[in-house]
Protein backbone atom coordinates (compact mmCIF):
# COMPACT_ATOMS: atom_id res chain seq x y z
CA MET A 1 6.98 12.57 0.32
CA SER A 2 8.65 14.62 -2.41
CA GLU A 3 9.11 13.21 -5.89
CA GLN A 4 12.88 13.07 -5.37
CA ALA A 5 12.43 11.19 -2.09
CA THR A 6 10.17 8.70 -3.87
CA ILE A 7 12.69 8.27 -6.69
CA ASP A 8 15.44 7.71 -4.12
CA ALA A 9 13.31 5.13 -2.29
CA LEU A 10 12.65 3.23 -5.52
CA HIS A 11 16.33 3.33 -6.55
CA ASP A 12 17.40 2.23 -3.07
CA ALA A 13 14.94 -0.68 -3.15
CA VAL A 14 16.46 -1.96 -6.41
CA VAL A 15 20.00 -1.55 -5.07
CA PHE A 16 19.08 -3.27 -1.78
CA VAL A 17 17.37 -6.30 -3.34
CA LEU A 18 20.04 -6.81 -5.99
CA GLU A 19 22.85 -6.17 -3.48
CA LEU A 20 24.60 -3.88 -5.94
CA PRO A 21 26.73 -0.80 -5.38
CA ASP A 22 24.68 2.39 -5.66
CA ASN A 23 26.40 3.48 -8.86
CA GLN A 24 25.67 0.22 -10.72
CA VAL A 25 21.94 0.98 -10.98
CA THR A 26 21.63 3.83 -13.44
CA ALA A 27 18.85 5.38 -15.47
CA GLY A 28 20.07 3.49 -18.54
CA SER A 29 20.34 0.05 -16.93
CA THR A 30 17.75 -2.37 -18.20
CA LEU A 31 16.07 -4.70 -15.76
CA ASP A 32 17.32 -7.59 -17.88
CA GLU A 33 20.91 -6.34 -17.57
CA LEU A 34 20.46 -6.23 -13.81
CA GLY A 35 19.17 -9.82 -13.78
CA ILE A 36 15.65 -8.98 -12.69
CA ASP A 37 13.17 -11.78 -13.25
CA SER A 38 9.64 -12.15 -11.86
CA LEU A 39 10.88 -13.40 -8.47
CA THR A 40 13.32 -10.53 -8.13
CA ALA A 41 10.62 -8.09 -9.28
CA SER A 42 8.39 -9.40 -6.48
CA GLN A 43 11.16 -8.82 -3.96
CA ILE A 44 11.71 -5.30 -5.28
CA LEU A 45 7.97 -4.62 -5.09
CA ILE A 46 7.88 -5.65 -1.42
CA GLU A 47 10.88 -3.46 -0.65
CA ILE A 48 9.30 -0.50 -2.48
CA GLU A 49 6.07 -0.94 -0.53
CA ILE A 50 8.01 -1.01 2.75
CA ARG A 51 9.97 2.11 1.85
CA LEU A 52 6.92 4.03 0.60
CA GLY A 53 4.53 2.69 3.23
CA ARG A 54 1.85 1.83 0.67
CA GLU A 55 0.91 -0.86 -1.82
CA VAL A 56 2.05 -0.74 -5.43
CA PRO A 57 0.39 -2.99 -8.04
CA PHE A 58 2.76 -5.74 -9.24
CA GLU A 59 1.93 -5.03 -12.88
CA LEU A 60 3.71 -1.70 -12.60
CA ILE A 61 6.98 -3.32 -11.59
CA GLU A 62 6.58 -6.23 -14.00
CA SER A 63 6.09 -3.88 -16.94
CA LEU A 64 9.15 -1.71 -16.34
CA ASP A 65 11.67 -1.96 -19.18
CA GLU A 66 14.38 0.28 -17.73
CA VAL A 67 15.27 1.46 -14.27
CA ALA A 68 14.72 4.98 -15.62
CA THR A 69 11.02 4.26 -15.61
CA LEU A 70 11.19 4.10 -11.82
CA THR A 71 11.34 7.88 -12.08
CA ASP A 72 8.07 7.83 -14.03
CA LEU A 73 6.57 5.46 -11.46
CA ALA A 74 7.66 7.76 -8.64
CA ALA A 75 6.14 10.80 -10.34
CA ALA A 76 2.87 8.95 -10.96
CA LEU A 77 2.71 7.66 -7.39
CA ASP A 78 3.30 11.14 -5.99
CA ALA A 79 0.74 12.66 -8.34
CA GLY A 80 -1.83 10.06 -7.36
CA GLU A 81 -2.15 8.84 -10.96
CA ILE A 82 -1.59 5.19 -10.02
CA PRO A 83 -4.26 3.37 -8.02
CA VAL A 84 -2.13 2.82 -4.94
CA GLY A 85 -3.55 -0.08 -3.00
CA ALA A 86 -4.91 -1.86 -6.07
CA THR A 87 -4.74 -5.59 -5.83
CA PRO A 88 -1.57 -6.99 -7.43
CA ASP A 89 -3.55 -9.19 -9.84
CA GLY A 90 -5.92 -6.42 -10.86
CA GLY A 91 -8.72 -7.86 -8.75
CA ASP A 92 -9.75 -10.49 -11.26
CA ASP A 93 -9.52 -13.54 -9.01
């Protein structure tokens, strides 16, 4: 999957879960502005995993401050810099 396709998948997951028009989720929108709490973040994570076909650690979604960082997440996922498939709690249970 190309980086742009990954970015699009991440953006589309946020738009889908929040049920917002495409143009309301921009690079400058903060997750707080969009009303994303931990429950919503979990829903977005599940949608991202479905769209990408692989696991993404919850901490990555939880730590995002702006939707723009989804671009950074996409780049890291595509570059293999993020341990895809890591357990959501970091494996400390």
